[in-house]
Amino acid sequence: MQISNEQKHSLKRAKGDQKLVALALLMFCCISFNWAKAQQHHSVSNLEDIRLKQSIKNLENGFSTPPDSAKPWVNMWWFNEVMPANITQHLTELK
């Protein structure tokens, strides 16, 4: 069986096309992988931003309305006369 020059040329072109398709497929896979990686990093970055904003908001709320355990306290030392009227007066002055 004899192959004509035109068939040989057609086979060479087909092999070249196969190489081109394989190269295009490889490039597509690389680009898709890098894009997916970038999207994953972007979503992680957004999640970190959300967590950071939430923790800043919690910190601001903690300073504006601190819990009772974090509020300052006073230890009263009573000297001289301790009478109910004096205690009531001091406690009302503290509020």
C-alpha atoms as a PDB file:
ATOM      1  CA  MET A   1       0.000   0.000   0.000  1.00  0.00           C
ATOM      2  CA  GLN A   2       1.479   3.245  -1.153  1.00  0.00           C
ATOM      3  CA  ILE A   3       0.844   6.590   0.572  1.00  0.00           C
ATOM      4  CA  SER A   4       0.700   9.628  -1.610  1.00  0.00           C
ATOM      5  CA  ASN A   5       2.491  12.874  -0.820  1.00  0.00           C
ATOM      6  CA  GLU A   6      -0.829  14.534  -0.138  1.00  0.00           C
ATOM      7  CA  GLN A   7      -1.727  11.861   2.449  1.00  0.00           C
ATOM      8  CA  LYS A   8       1.723  12.212   4.079  1.00  0.00           C
ATOM      9  CA  HIS A   9       1.244  15.954   4.284  1.00  0.00           C
ATOM     10  CA  SER A  10      -2.235  15.422   5.748  1.00  0.00           C
ATOM     11  CA  LEU A  11      -0.833  13.009   8.389  1.00  0.00           C
ATOM     12  CA  LYS A  12       1.907  15.474   9.357  1.00  0.00           C
ATOM     13  CA  ARG A  13      -0.671  18.215   9.690  1.00  0.00           C
ATOM     14  CA  ALA A  14      -2.892  15.948  11.847  1.00  0.00           C
ATOM     15  CA  LYS A  15       0.058  15.135  14.151  1.00  0.00           C
ATOM     16  CA  GLY A  16       0.845  18.838  14.393  1.00  0.00           C
ATOM     17  CA  ASP A  17      -2.810  19.544  15.196  1.00  0.00           C
ATOM     18  CA  GLN A  18      -2.746  16.835  17.897  1.00  0.00           C
ATOM     19  CA  LYS A  19       0.331  18.450  19.472  1.00  0.00           C
ATOM     20  CA  LEU A  20      -1.357  21.839  19.315  1.00  0.00           C
ATOM     21  CA  VAL A  21      -4.525  20.489  20.944  1.00  0.00           C
ATOM     22  CA  ALA A  22      -2.459  18.759  23.656  1.00  0.00           C
ATOM     23  CA  LEU A  23      -0.555  21.988  24.318  1.00  0.00           C
ATOM     24  CA  ALA A  24      -3.778  24.010  24.449  1.00  0.00           C
ATOM     25  CA  LEU A  25      -5.295  21.470  26.847  1.00  0.00           C
ATOM     26  CA  LEU A  26      -2.214  21.618  29.071  1.00  0.00           C
ATOM     27  CA  MET A  27      -2.311  25.418  29.117  1.00  0.00           C
ATOM     28  CA  PHE A  28      -6.043  25.360  29.915  1.00  0.00           C
ATOM     29  CA  CYS A  29      -5.443  22.989  32.837  1.00  0.00           C
ATOM     30  CA  CYS A  30      -2.632  25.166  34.220  1.00  0.00           C
ATOM     31  CA  ILE A  31      -4.686  28.334  33.925  1.00  0.00           C
ATOM     32  CA  SER A  32      -7.732  26.660  35.488  1.00  0.00           C
ATOM     33  CA  PHE A  33      -5.668  25.333  38.379  1.00  0.00           C
ATOM     34  CA  ASN A  34      -4.096  28.735  39.054  1.00  0.00           C
ATOM     35  CA  TRP A  35      -7.486  30.440  38.815  1.00  0.00           C
ATOM     36  CA  ALA A  36      -9.013  27.943  41.271  1.00  0.00           C
ATOM     37  CA  LYS A  37      -6.100  28.465  43.626  1.00  0.00           C
ATOM     38  CA  ALA A  38      -6.511  32.238  43.418  1.00  0.00           C
ATOM     39  CA  GLN A  39     -10.251  31.961  44.090  1.00  0.00           C
ATOM     40  CA  GLN A  40      -9.587  29.760  47.105  1.00  0.00           C
ATOM     41  CA  HIS A  41      -7.043  32.262  48.437  1.00  0.00           C
ATOM     42  CA  HIS A  42      -9.476  35.099  47.753  1.00  0.00           C
ATOM     43  CA  SER A  43     -12.281  33.371  49.665  1.00  0.00           C
ATOM     44  CA  VAL A  44      -9.907  32.617  52.576  1.00  0.00           C
ATOM     45  CA  SER A  45      -8.816  36.249  52.505  1.00  0.00           C
ATOM     46  CA  ASN A  46     -12.456  37.410  52.611  1.00  0.00           C
ATOM     47  CA  LEU A  47     -13.143  35.058  55.513  1.00  0.00           C
ATOM     48  CA  GLU A  48     -10.134  36.446  57.384  1.00  0.00           C
ATOM     49  CA  ASP A  49     -11.347  40.004  56.689  1.00  0.00           C
ATOM     50  CA  ILE A  50     -14.797  39.139  58.037  1.00  0.00           C
ATOM     51  CA  ARG A  51     -13.296  37.578  61.167  1.00  0.00           C
ATOM     52  CA  LEU A  52     -11.005  40.568  61.680  1.00  0.00           C
ATOM     53  CA  LYS A  53     -13.891  43.029  61.314  1.00  0.00           C
ATOM     54  CA  GLN A  54     -15.993  40.965  63.719  1.00  0.00           C
ATOM     55  CA  SER A  55     -13.223  40.843  66.334  1.00  0.00           C
ATOM     56  CA  ILE A  56     -12.671  44.619  66.031  1.00  0.00           C
ATOM     57  CA  LYS A  57     -16.414  45.142  66.459  1.00  0.00           C
ATOM     58  CA  ASN A  58     -16.408  42.859  69.534  1.00  0.00           C
ATOM     59  CA  LEU A  59     -13.456  44.786  70.972  1.00  0.00           C
ATOM     60  CA  GLU A  60     -15.186  48.143  70.426  1.00  0.00           C
ATOM     61  CA  ASN A  61     -18.389  46.821  72.014  1.00  0.00           C
ATOM     62  CA  GLY A  62     -16.376  45.490  74.950  1.00  0.00           C
ATOM     63  CA  PHE A  63     -14.930  48.944  75.596  1.00  0.00           C
ATOM     64  CA  SER A  64     -18.211  50.811  75.175  1.00  0.00           C
ATOM     65  CA  THR A  65     -20.213  48.431  77.384  1.00  0.00           C
ATOM     66  CA  PRO A  66     -17.795  46.356  79.459  1.00  0.00           C
ATOM     67  CA  PRO A  67     -19.071  43.326  81.375  1.00  0.00           C
ATOM     68  CA  ASP A  68     -19.468  43.669  85.139  1.00  0.00           C
ATOM     69  CA  SER A  69     -16.380  41.532  85.718  1.00  0.00           C
ATOM     70  CA  ALA A  70     -14.235  44.101  83.865  1.00  0.00           C
ATOM     71  CA  LYS A  71     -15.638  47.217  85.510  1.00  0.00           C
ATOM     72  CA  PRO A  72     -13.593  48.981  88.188  1.00  0.00           C
ATOM     73  CA  TRP A  73     -14.485  48.256  91.767  1.00  0.00           C
ATOM     74  CA  VAL A  74     -14.036  50.120  95.020  1.00  0.00           C
ATOM     75  CA  ASN A  75     -13.005  48.825  98.391  1.00  0.00           C
ATOM     76  CA  MET A  76     -14.453  51.077 101.070  1.00  0.00           C
ATOM     77  CA  TRP A  77     -12.557  51.546 104.294  1.00  0.00           C
ATOM     78  CA  TRP A  78     -14.785  52.927 106.994  1.00  0.00           C
ATOM     79  CA  PHE A  79     -13.220  55.190 109.598  1.00  0.00           C
ATOM     80  CA  ASN A  80     -14.755  56.935 112.530  1.00  0.00           C
ATOM     81  CA  GLU A  81     -18.501  56.670 112.785  1.00  0.00           C
ATOM     82  CA  VAL A  82     -20.244  54.086 110.577  1.00  0.00           C
ATOM     83  CA  MET A  83     -23.925  54.927 110.494  1.00  0.00           C
ATOM     84  CA  PRO A  84     -26.597  53.899 107.984  1.00  0.00           C
ATOM     85  CA  ALA A  85     -27.069  57.501 106.871  1.00  0.00           C
ATOM     86  CA  ASN A  86     -23.341  57.865 106.138  1.00  0.00           C
ATOM     87  CA  ILE A  87     -23.284  54.569 104.209  1.00  0.00           C
ATOM     88  CA  THR A  88     -26.261  55.618 102.097  1.00  0.00           C
ATOM     89  CA  GLN A  89     -24.685  59.004 101.381  1.00  0.00           C
ATOM     90  CA  HIS A  90     -21.373  57.448 100.283  1.00  0.00           C
ATOM     91  CA  LEU A  91     -23.067  54.875  98.064  1.00  0.00           C
ATOM     92  CA  THR A  92     -25.233  57.482  96.335  1.00  0.00           C
ATOM     93  CA  GLU A  93     -22.136  59.611  95.712  1.00  0.00           C
ATOM     94  CA  LEU A  94     -20.405  56.629  94.092  1.00  0.00           C
ATOM     95  CA  LYS A  95     -23.175  56.128  91.534  1.00  0.00           C
END
